[in-house]
């Protein structure tokens, strides 16, 4: 749970910081906060906190694809060899596309990516509306 919470906070906050520094409109900043959860949750949660639902879906898709493509190299560079860590990272940050990649990597990665996807989605959908 701690790993999912850390990944679920760091990834969107870093992305939000990027668009904040670029002085993006507030609606785009709020939309960026939901980029690491699955599309239906991201669209609804984004709308609740003042984001743009259609843009949330696009951010989610881009995040998943980039994350799934970058994961193998990232794991090699940072020497992440534990299948549990690989799965939780892919699921909690890269949602469904990351989970599909994790399933391709192995059963353990796939199982824990599924857990990470679900837990991060629920936590984000509950916490963000309370904060904003």
Protein backbone atom coordinates (compact mmCIF):
# COMPACT_ATOMS: atom_id res chain seq x y z
CA UNK A 1 0.00 0.00 0.00
CA UNK A 2 2.84 2.37 0.77
CA UNK A 3 4.48 1.76 -2.60
CA UNK A 4 1.20 2.38 -4.43
CA UNK A 5 0.59 5.55 -2.42
CA UNK A 6 4.10 6.88 -3.12
CA UNK A 7 3.86 6.10 -6.84
CA UNK A 8 0.34 7.46 -6.98
CA UNK A 9 1.48 10.77 -5.48
CA UNK A 10 4.90 11.31 -7.03
CA UNK A 11 3.98 10.63 -10.68
CA UNK A 12 1.03 13.04 -10.93
CA UNK A 13 2.66 15.71 -8.75
CA UNK A 14 5.78 15.76 -10.95
CA UNK A 15 3.61 15.99 -14.07
CA UNK A 16 1.51 18.73 -12.45
CA UNK A 17 4.66 20.62 -11.52
CA UNK A 18 5.76 20.54 -15.15
CA UNK A 19 2.54 22.10 -16.43
CA UNK A 20 2.48 24.53 -13.49
CA UNK A 21 5.97 25.77 -14.35
CA UNK A 22 4.84 26.21 -17.97
CA UNK A 23 1.98 28.37 -16.64
CA UNK A 24 -0.75 26.15 -18.08
CA UNK A 25 -4.36 27.03 -17.34
CA UNK A 26 -5.75 25.70 -14.05
CA UNK A 27 -8.07 23.24 -15.83
CA UNK A 28 -5.08 21.56 -17.50
CA UNK A 29 -3.19 21.49 -14.20
CA UNK A 30 -6.10 19.76 -12.49
CA UNK A 31 -6.47 17.34 -15.38
CA UNK A 32 -2.80 16.34 -15.10
CA UNK A 33 -3.36 15.16 -11.51
CA UNK A 34 -5.51 12.24 -12.69
CA UNK A 35 -3.14 10.96 -15.38
CA UNK A 36 -2.10 7.79 -13.57
CA UNK A 37 -5.49 6.18 -13.03
CA UNK A 38 -7.70 4.37 -15.49
CA UNK A 39 -9.69 6.44 -18.00
CA UNK A 40 -13.23 6.20 -16.55
CA UNK A 41 -12.03 7.16 -13.07
CA UNK A 42 -9.73 9.86 -14.46
CA UNK A 43 -12.47 11.47 -16.51
CA UNK A 44 -14.96 11.59 -13.64
CA UNK A 45 -12.44 12.59 -10.98
CA UNK A 46 -10.93 15.19 -13.29
CA UNK A 47 -14.34 16.73 -13.90
CA UNK A 48 -15.05 16.86 -10.17
CA UNK A 49 -11.82 18.76 -9.40
CA UNK A 50 -12.19 21.19 -12.31
CA UNK A 51 -10.30 19.36 -15.03
CA UNK A 52 -11.24 18.52 -18.61
CA UNK A 53 -12.59 14.94 -18.95
CA UNK A 54 -11.63 14.42 -22.61
CA UNK A 55 -8.11 15.67 -21.95
CA UNK A 56 -7.89 13.40 -18.91
CA UNK A 57 -8.53 10.41 -21.15
CA UNK A 58 -5.77 11.54 -23.51
CA UNK A 59 -3.30 12.05 -20.64
CA UNK A 60 -4.14 8.59 -19.30
CA UNK A 61 -3.52 6.91 -22.64
CA UNK A 62 -0.23 8.75 -23.21
CA UNK A 63 0.93 7.97 -19.66
CA UNK A 64 0.18 4.28 -20.08
CA UNK A 65 1.92 3.94 -23.43
CA UNK A 66 5.02 5.91 -22.43
CA UNK A 67 5.25 4.08 -19.11
CA UNK A 68 4.93 0.64 -20.67
CA UNK A 69 7.57 1.49 -23.27
CA UNK A 70 9.98 3.03 -20.77
CA UNK A 71 9.62 0.40 -18.03
CA UNK A 72 12.13 -2.21 -19.27
CA UNK A 73 14.90 0.36 -19.76
CA UNK A 74 14.08 2.06 -16.46
CA UNK A 75 14.25 -1.26 -14.63
CA UNK A 76 17.65 -2.03 -16.20
CA UNK A 77 19.09 1.44 -15.46
CA UNK A 78 17.95 1.42 -11.83
CA UNK A 79 18.54 -2.33 -11.38
CA UNK A 80 14.94 -3.07 -10.36
CA UNK A 81 14.88 -6.86 -10.41
CA UNK A 82 12.09 -7.74 -7.96
CA UNK A 83 9.01 -8.80 -9.92
CA UNK A 84 6.82 -7.44 -7.12
CA UNK A 85 8.34 -3.96 -7.43
CA UNK A 86 8.08 -4.03 -11.21
CA UNK A 87 4.41 -4.99 -11.07
CA UNK A 88 3.39 -2.46 -8.44
CA UNK A 89 5.19 0.32 -10.30
CA UNK A 90 3.57 -0.49 -13.64
CA UNK A 91 0.09 -0.83 -12.18
CA UNK A 92 0.11 2.18 -9.91
CA UNK A 93 1.69 4.63 -12.35
CA UNK A 94 0.81 3.29 -15.81
CA UNK A 95 -2.69 1.89 -15.04
CA UNK A 96 -4.21 -0.59 -17.55
CA UNK A 97 -1.55 -0.33 -20.26
CA UNK A 98 1.13 -0.84 -17.61
CA UNK A 99 -0.78 -3.81 -16.25
CA UNK A 100 -0.89 -5.35 -19.72
CA UNK A 101 2.88 -4.89 -19.99
CA UNK A 102 3.31 -6.40 -16.53
CA UNK A 103 1.26 -9.46 -17.54
CA UNK A 104 3.59 -9.86 -20.49
CA UNK A 105 6.59 -9.76 -18.12
CA UNK A 106 5.28 -12.46 -15.78
CA UNK A 107 2.48 -13.68 -13.52
CA UNK A 108 3.78 -11.98 -10.37
CA UNK A 109 4.24 -8.65 -12.14
CA UNK A 110 0.77 -8.94 -13.64
CA UNK A 111 -0.92 -9.79 -10.36
CA UNK A 112 0.70 -6.96 -8.45
CA UNK A 113 0.14 -4.50 -11.28
CA UNK A 114 -3.55 -5.31 -11.06
CA UNK A 115 -3.51 -4.61 -7.32
CA UNK A 116 -1.57 -1.38 -7.88
CA UNK A 117 -3.99 -0.27 -10.59
CA UNK A 118 -7.05 -0.85 -8.42
CA UNK A 119 -5.68 0.59 -5.19
CA UNK A 120 -4.22 3.70 -6.84
CA UNK A 121 -7.41 4.30 -8.81
CA UNK A 122 -9.62 4.13 -5.75
CA UNK A 123 -7.25 6.18 -3.57
CA UNK A 124 -6.89 8.90 -6.20
CA UNK A 125 -10.61 9.04 -6.95
CA UNK A 126 -11.38 9.44 -3.24
CA UNK A 127 -8.55 11.74 -2.13
CA UNK A 128 -8.40 14.31 -4.96
CA UNK A 129 -12.01 15.51 -4.62
CA UNK A 130 -11.44 15.90 -0.88
CA UNK A 131 -8.35 18.05 -1.49
CA UNK A 132 -9.84 20.23 -4.21
